[in-house]
Amino acid sequence: MKKTLILIALCLPALLLTQCAPKTVGKSSVTVVDEVAEMNKKYTDAQRADGKAVYTGYCEKCHQLYQPSEFTVKEWDRILPKMCKKAELNPQDAGLVRAWVIANAKHN
């Protein structure tokens, strides 16, 4: 019992310090500008236009269409996975939609 208490006394400060350390989530080191540039390299203008067509064709079936500029890239990154799943988009079409949306999103 005494050994356990000593062990707790020695480890507790280290445990508390690690719990207070800042945590990073996802792609925190990637800026919005970097992400947009990456999407623009990966997808052509024609592919982004296809993404707009997919967005219009699928999303309008269930709700009003939102302009990409109404939300930030971060907000779209939270919205799109759920909506693409609901719309039953295949990964290719989901990528095209994301490319169009990210290229036209609010960049703050």
N, C-alpha and C. Protein backbone atom coordinates (compact mmCIF):
# COMPACT_ATOMS: atom_id res chain seq x y z
N MET A 1 0.82 -1.19 0.00
CA MET A 1 0.00 0.00 0.00
C MET A 1 0.87 1.26 0.00
N LYS A 2 1.92 1.24 0.81
CA LYS A 2 2.81 2.37 0.90
C LYS A 2 3.49 2.64 -0.45
N LYS A 3 3.89 1.56 -1.14
CA LYS A 3 4.53 1.69 -2.45
C LYS A 3 3.57 2.31 -3.45
N THR A 4 2.32 1.93 -3.39
CA THR A 4 1.30 2.47 -4.30
C THR A 4 1.14 3.96 -4.08
N LEU A 5 1.06 4.39 -2.85
CA LEU A 5 0.92 5.81 -2.54
C LEU A 5 2.13 6.60 -3.02
N ILE A 6 3.31 6.07 -2.84
CA ILE A 6 4.53 6.73 -3.29
C ILE A 6 4.51 6.85 -4.82
N LEU A 7 4.12 5.77 -5.48
CA LEU A 7 4.05 5.77 -6.94
C LEU A 7 3.05 6.82 -7.44
N ILE A 8 1.90 6.90 -6.80
CA ILE A 8 0.89 7.90 -7.18
C ILE A 8 1.45 9.30 -6.95
N ALA A 9 2.09 9.51 -5.82
CA ALA A 9 2.65 10.83 -5.50
C ALA A 9 3.70 11.25 -6.52
N LEU A 10 4.47 10.30 -7.03
CA LEU A 10 5.52 10.61 -8.00
C LEU A 10 4.95 10.82 -9.41
N CYS A 11 3.92 10.10 -9.75
CA CYS A 11 3.38 10.14 -11.11
C CYS A 11 2.31 11.21 -11.31
N LEU A 12 1.62 11.59 -10.28
CA LEU A 12 0.51 12.52 -10.40
C LEU A 12 0.91 13.85 -11.04
N PRO A 13 1.99 14.51 -10.60
CA PRO A 13 2.36 15.78 -11.25
C PRO A 13 2.62 15.62 -12.76
N ALA A 14 3.28 14.56 -13.15
CA ALA A 14 3.54 14.34 -14.57
C ALA A 14 2.25 14.11 -15.32
N LEU A 15 1.34 13.36 -14.74
CA LEU A 15 0.06 13.09 -15.38
C LEU A 15 -0.73 14.38 -15.55
N LEU A 16 -0.75 15.21 -14.53
CA LEU A 16 -1.48 16.48 -14.61
C LEU A 16 -0.89 17.40 -15.67
N LEU A 17 0.42 17.44 -15.77
CA LEU A 17 1.06 18.30 -16.77
C LEU A 17 0.74 17.85 -18.18
N THR A 18 0.69 16.55 -18.42
CA THR A 18 0.39 16.07 -19.77
C THR A 18 -1.06 16.33 -20.12
N GLN A 19 -1.94 16.36 -19.14
CA GLN A 19 -3.35 16.63 -19.41
C GLN A 19 -3.58 18.09 -19.79
N CYS A 20 -2.68 18.97 -19.38
CA CYS A 20 -2.83 20.39 -19.67
C CYS A 20 -2.14 20.79 -20.98
N ALA A 21 -1.44 19.89 -21.58
CA ALA A 21 -0.74 20.22 -22.82
C ALA A 21 -1.75 20.50 -23.92
N PRO A 22 -1.44 21.46 -24.80
CA PRO A 22 -2.37 21.75 -25.90
C PRO A 22 -2.51 20.54 -26.81
N LYS A 23 -3.72 20.34 -27.28
CA LYS A 23 -3.98 19.22 -28.16
C LYS A 23 -4.22 19.74 -29.57
N THR A 24 -3.77 19.00 -30.54
CA THR A 24 -4.02 19.37 -31.93
C THR A 24 -5.01 18.37 -32.50
N VAL A 25 -5.89 18.87 -33.32
CA VAL A 25 -6.91 18.03 -33.93
C VAL A 25 -6.78 18.12 -35.43
N GLY A 26 -6.73 16.97 -36.08
CA GLY A 26 -6.74 16.94 -37.54
C GLY A 26 -5.55 17.62 -38.17
N LYS A 27 -5.84 18.44 -39.19
CA LYS A 27 -4.81 19.07 -40.00
C LYS A 27 -4.51 20.48 -39.51
N SER A 28 -4.23 20.64 -38.22
CA SER A 28 -4.06 21.97 -37.67
C SER A 28 -2.87 22.71 -38.28
N SER A 29 -1.88 22.00 -38.77
CA SER A 29 -0.72 22.68 -39.32
C SER A 29 -0.95 23.11 -40.78
N VAL A 30 -2.03 22.68 -41.37
CA VAL A 30 -2.34 23.05 -42.75
C VAL A 30 -3.25 24.27 -42.72
N THR A 31 -2.84 25.34 -43.38
CA THR A 31 -3.66 26.54 -43.41
C THR A 31 -4.74 26.41 -44.47
N VAL A 32 -5.72 27.27 -44.40
CA VAL A 32 -6.80 27.27 -45.38
C VAL A 32 -6.24 27.55 -46.76
N VAL A 33 -5.30 28.48 -46.84
CA VAL A 33 -4.69 28.81 -48.13
C VAL A 33 -4.00 27.57 -48.72
N ASP A 34 -3.29 26.83 -47.85
CA ASP A 34 -2.62 25.60 -48.31
C ASP A 34 -3.64 24.58 -48.81
N GLU A 35 -4.72 24.44 -48.07
CA GLU A 35 -5.73 23.45 -48.44
C GLU A 35 -6.40 23.81 -49.77
N VAL A 36 -6.71 25.08 -49.96
CA VAL A 36 -7.30 25.52 -51.23
C VAL A 36 -6.32 25.31 -52.37
N ALA A 37 -5.07 25.65 -52.14
CA ALA A 37 -4.04 25.45 -53.18
C ALA A 37 -3.91 23.98 -53.53
N GLU A 38 -3.94 23.12 -52.52
CA GLU A 38 -3.86 21.67 -52.73
C GLU A 38 -5.05 21.18 -53.57
N MET A 39 -6.24 21.65 -53.24
CA MET A 39 -7.43 21.25 -53.99
C MET A 39 -7.36 21.75 -55.42
N ASN A 40 -6.84 22.95 -55.61
CA ASN A 40 -6.73 23.51 -56.96
C ASN A 40 -5.71 22.76 -57.81
N LYS A 41 -4.69 22.19 -57.16
CA LYS A 41 -3.71 21.37 -57.90
C LYS A 41 -4.29 20.01 -58.24
N LYS A 42 -5.05 19.46 -57.32
CA LYS A 42 -5.57 18.10 -57.47
C LYS A 42 -6.73 18.01 -58.47
N TYR A 43 -7.55 19.07 -58.54
CA TYR A 43 -8.72 19.05 -59.41
C TYR A 43 -8.64 20.17 -60.44
N THR A 44 -9.07 19.87 -61.65
CA THR A 44 -9.09 20.87 -62.72
C THR A 44 -10.34 21.72 -62.60
N ASP A 45 -10.38 22.80 -63.38
CA ASP A 45 -11.57 23.65 -63.41
C ASP A 45 -12.79 22.83 -63.86
N ALA A 46 -12.58 21.96 -64.83
CA ALA A 46 -13.68 21.12 -65.34
C ALA A 46 -14.19 20.18 -64.26
N GLN A 47 -13.29 19.63 -63.46
CA GLN A 47 -13.71 18.74 -62.38
C GLN A 47 -14.47 19.50 -61.30
N ARG A 48 -14.00 20.72 -61.00
CA ARG A 48 -14.72 21.53 -60.02
C ARG A 48 -16.11 21.90 -60.55
N ALA A 49 -16.22 22.14 -61.85
CA ALA A 49 -17.54 22.41 -62.46
C ALA A 49 -18.43 21.17 -62.34
N ASP A 50 -17.84 19.99 -62.51
CA ASP A 50 -18.60 18.75 -62.31
C ASP A 50 -19.05 18.64 -60.85
N GLY A 51 -18.20 19.07 -59.93
CA GLY A 51 -18.56 19.06 -58.51
C GLY A 51 -19.74 19.97 -58.23
N LYS A 52 -19.77 21.12 -58.90
CA LYS A 52 -20.91 22.03 -58.74
C LYS A 52 -22.19 21.36 -59.26
N ALA A 53 -22.08 20.67 -60.38
CA ALA A 53 -23.25 19.98 -60.95
C ALA A 53 -23.75 18.88 -60.02
N VAL A 54 -22.84 18.13 -59.43
CA VAL A 54 -23.22 17.08 -58.48
C VAL A 54 -23.87 17.72 -57.26
N TYR A 55 -23.26 18.78 -56.75
CA TYR A 55 -23.80 19.50 -55.60
C TYR A 55 -25.23 19.97 -55.88
N THR A 56 -25.41 20.60 -57.02
CA THR A 56 -26.73 21.11 -57.38
C THR A 56 -27.73 19.97 -57.56
N GLY A 57 -27.31 18.92 -58.24
CA GLY A 57 -28.22 17.81 -58.53
C GLY A 57 -28.64 17.01 -57.32
N TYR A 58 -27.74 16.81 -56.38
CA TYR A 58 -28.06 15.98 -55.21
C TYR A 58 -28.57 16.78 -54.02
N CYS A 59 -27.91 17.87 -53.71
CA CYS A 59 -28.21 18.59 -52.47
C CYS A 59 -29.57 19.29 -52.52
N GLU A 60 -29.94 19.76 -53.69
CA GLU A 60 -31.20 20.48 -53.84
C GLU A 60 -32.42 19.56 -53.65
N LYS A 61 -32.22 18.28 -53.74
CA LYS A 61 -33.32 17.33 -53.55
C LYS A 61 -33.87 17.40 -52.13
N CYS A 62 -33.01 17.70 -51.16
CA CYS A 62 -33.42 17.64 -49.75
C CYS A 62 -33.53 19.01 -49.07
N HIS A 63 -32.81 20.00 -49.55
CA HIS A 63 -32.83 21.31 -48.88
C HIS A 63 -32.39 22.40 -49.84
N GLN A 64 -32.55 23.64 -49.40
CA GLN A 64 -32.09 24.77 -50.22
C GLN A 64 -30.60 24.66 -50.43
N LEU A 65 -30.14 25.19 -51.52
CA LEU A 65 -28.70 25.19 -51.80
C LEU A 65 -28.03 26.37 -51.10
N TYR A 66 -26.95 26.08 -50.45
CA TYR A 66 -26.15 27.12 -49.82
C TYR A 66 -24.96 27.43 -50.72
N GLN A 67 -24.64 28.69 -50.82
CA GLN A 67 -23.46 29.07 -51.59
C GLN A 67 -22.23 28.68 -50.77
N PRO A 68 -21.20 28.18 -51.43
CA PRO A 68 -19.98 27.81 -50.69
C PRO A 68 -19.43 28.96 -49.85
N SER A 69 -19.60 30.19 -50.33
CA SER A 69 -19.06 31.35 -49.62
C SER A 69 -19.83 31.68 -48.34
N GLU A 70 -20.92 30.97 -48.08
CA GLU A 70 -21.67 31.20 -46.84
C GLU A 70 -20.98 30.56 -45.63
N PHE A 71 -20.05 29.65 -45.87
CA PHE A 71 -19.37 28.94 -44.79
C PHE A 71 -17.87 28.95 -45.02
N THR A 72 -17.13 28.79 -43.95
CA THR A 72 -15.67 28.70 -44.05
C THR A 72 -15.28 27.28 -44.46
N VAL A 73 -14.02 27.12 -44.83
CA VAL A 73 -13.50 25.80 -45.18
C VAL A 73 -13.68 24.85 -44.00
N LYS A 74 -13.38 25.33 -42.80
CA LYS A 74 -13.52 24.51 -41.60
C LYS A 74 -14.98 24.05 -41.41
N GLU A 75 -15.90 24.97 -41.62
CA GLU A 75 -17.32 24.61 -41.48
C GLU A 75 -17.73 23.59 -42.52
N TRP A 76 -17.27 23.78 -43.76
CA TRP A 76 -17.60 22.81 -44.82
C TRP A 76 -17.00 21.44 -44.50
N ASP A 77 -15.82 21.45 -43.90
CA ASP A 77 -15.19 20.17 -43.55
C ASP A 77 -15.99 19.41 -42.49
N ARG A 78 -16.79 20.13 -41.72
CA ARG A 78 -17.68 19.46 -40.76
C ARG A 78 -18.99 19.05 -41.43
N ILE A 79 -19.45 19.82 -42.38
CA ILE A 79 -20.75 19.59 -43.03
C ILE A 79 -20.69 18.49 -44.08
N LEU A 80 -19.70 18.55 -44.95
CA LEU A 80 -19.67 17.70 -46.14
C LEU A 80 -19.65 16.19 -45.88
N PRO A 81 -18.85 15.68 -44.95
CA PRO A 81 -18.85 14.22 -44.78
C PRO A 81 -20.24 13.66 -44.48
N LYS A 82 -20.95 14.32 -43.59
CA LYS A 82 -22.30 13.86 -43.23
C LYS A 82 -23.26 13.98 -44.42
N MET A 83 -23.20 15.10 -45.11
CA MET A 83 -24.13 15.32 -46.23
C MET A 83 -23.82 14.40 -47.41
N CYS A 84 -22.55 14.17 -47.68
CA CYS A 84 -22.18 13.26 -48.78
C CYS A 84 -22.65 11.85 -48.48
N LYS A 85 -22.58 11.48 -47.22
CA LYS A 85 -23.06 10.15 -46.82
C LYS A 85 -24.57 10.06 -46.98
N LYS A 86 -25.28 11.11 -46.52
CA LYS A 86 -26.74 11.13 -46.65
C LYS A 86 -27.17 11.08 -48.12
N ALA A 87 -26.43 11.76 -48.97
CA ALA A 87 -26.76 11.79 -50.40
C ALA A 87 -26.30 10.53 -51.12
N GLU A 88 -25.59 9.67 -50.38
CA GLU A 88 -25.05 8.42 -50.93
C GLU A 88 -24.14 8.67 -52.13
N LEU A 89 -23.30 9.72 -52.01
CA LEU A 89 -22.34 10.01 -53.06
C LEU A 89 -21.19 9.03 -53.00
N ASN A 90 -20.73 8.60 -54.16
CA ASN A 90 -19.54 7.75 -54.17
C ASN A 90 -18.33 8.64 -53.86
N PRO A 91 -17.21 8.05 -53.48
CA PRO A 91 -16.03 8.86 -53.10
C PRO A 91 -15.58 9.84 -54.18
N GLN A 92 -15.69 9.44 -55.44
CA GLN A 92 -15.26 10.34 -56.52
C GLN A 92 -16.15 11.58 -56.58
N ASP A 93 -17.46 11.39 -56.56
CA ASP A 93 -18.38 12.53 -56.61
C ASP A 93 -18.25 13.39 -55.35
N ALA A 94 -18.07 12.76 -54.20
CA ALA A 94 -17.89 13.51 -52.96
C ALA A 94 -16.63 14.37 -53.05
N GLY A 95 -15.57 13.85 -53.65
CA GLY A 95 -14.34 14.61 -53.83
C GLY A 95 -14.53 15.80 -54.76
N LEU A 96 -15.32 15.60 -55.81
CA LEU A 96 -15.59 16.69 -56.75
C LEU A 96 -16.39 17.80 -56.07
N VAL A 97 -17.39 17.40 -55.30
CA VAL A 97 -18.19 18.39 -54.58
C VAL A 97 -17.30 19.17 -53.61
N ARG A 98 -16.48 18.45 -52.86
CA ARG A 98 -15.59 19.11 -51.90
C ARG A 98 -14.63 20.06 -52.61
N ALA A 99 -14.11 19.65 -53.75
CA ALA A 99 -13.18 20.50 -54.50
C ALA A 99 -13.86 21.81 -54.90
N TRP A 100 -15.10 21.73 -55.39
CA TRP A 100 -15.81 22.93 -55.80
C TRP A 100 -16.13 23.81 -54.60
N VAL A 101 -16.62 23.19 -53.54
CA VAL A 101 -17.01 23.94 -52.35
C VAL A 101 -15.80 24.62 -51.71
N ILE A 102 -14.72 23.90 -51.53
CA ILE A 102 -13.52 24.45 -50.88
C ILE A 102 -12.93 25.59 -51.71
N ALA A 103 -12.94 25.44 -53.02
CA ALA A 103 -12.40 26.48 -53.90
C ALA A 103 -13.21 27.78 -53.80
N ASN A 104 -14.46 27.66 -53.40
CA ASN A 104 -15.34 28.84 -53.36
C ASN A 104 -15.80 29.22 -51.95
N ALA A 105 -15.25 28.57 -50.94
CA ALA A 105 -15.65 28.83 -49.56
C ALA A 105 -15.07 30.14 -49.03
N LYS A 106 -15.66 30.59 -47.94
CA LYS A 106 -15.15 31.76 -47.24
C LYS A 106 -13.79 31.37 -46.64
N HIS A 107 -12.79 32.20 -46.79
CA HIS A 107 -11.44 31.86 -46.36
C HIS A 107 -11.02 32.58 -45.08
N ASN A 108 -11.83 32.54 -44.04
CA ASN A 108 -11.42 33.14 -42.77
C ASN A 108 -11.27 32.05 -41.76
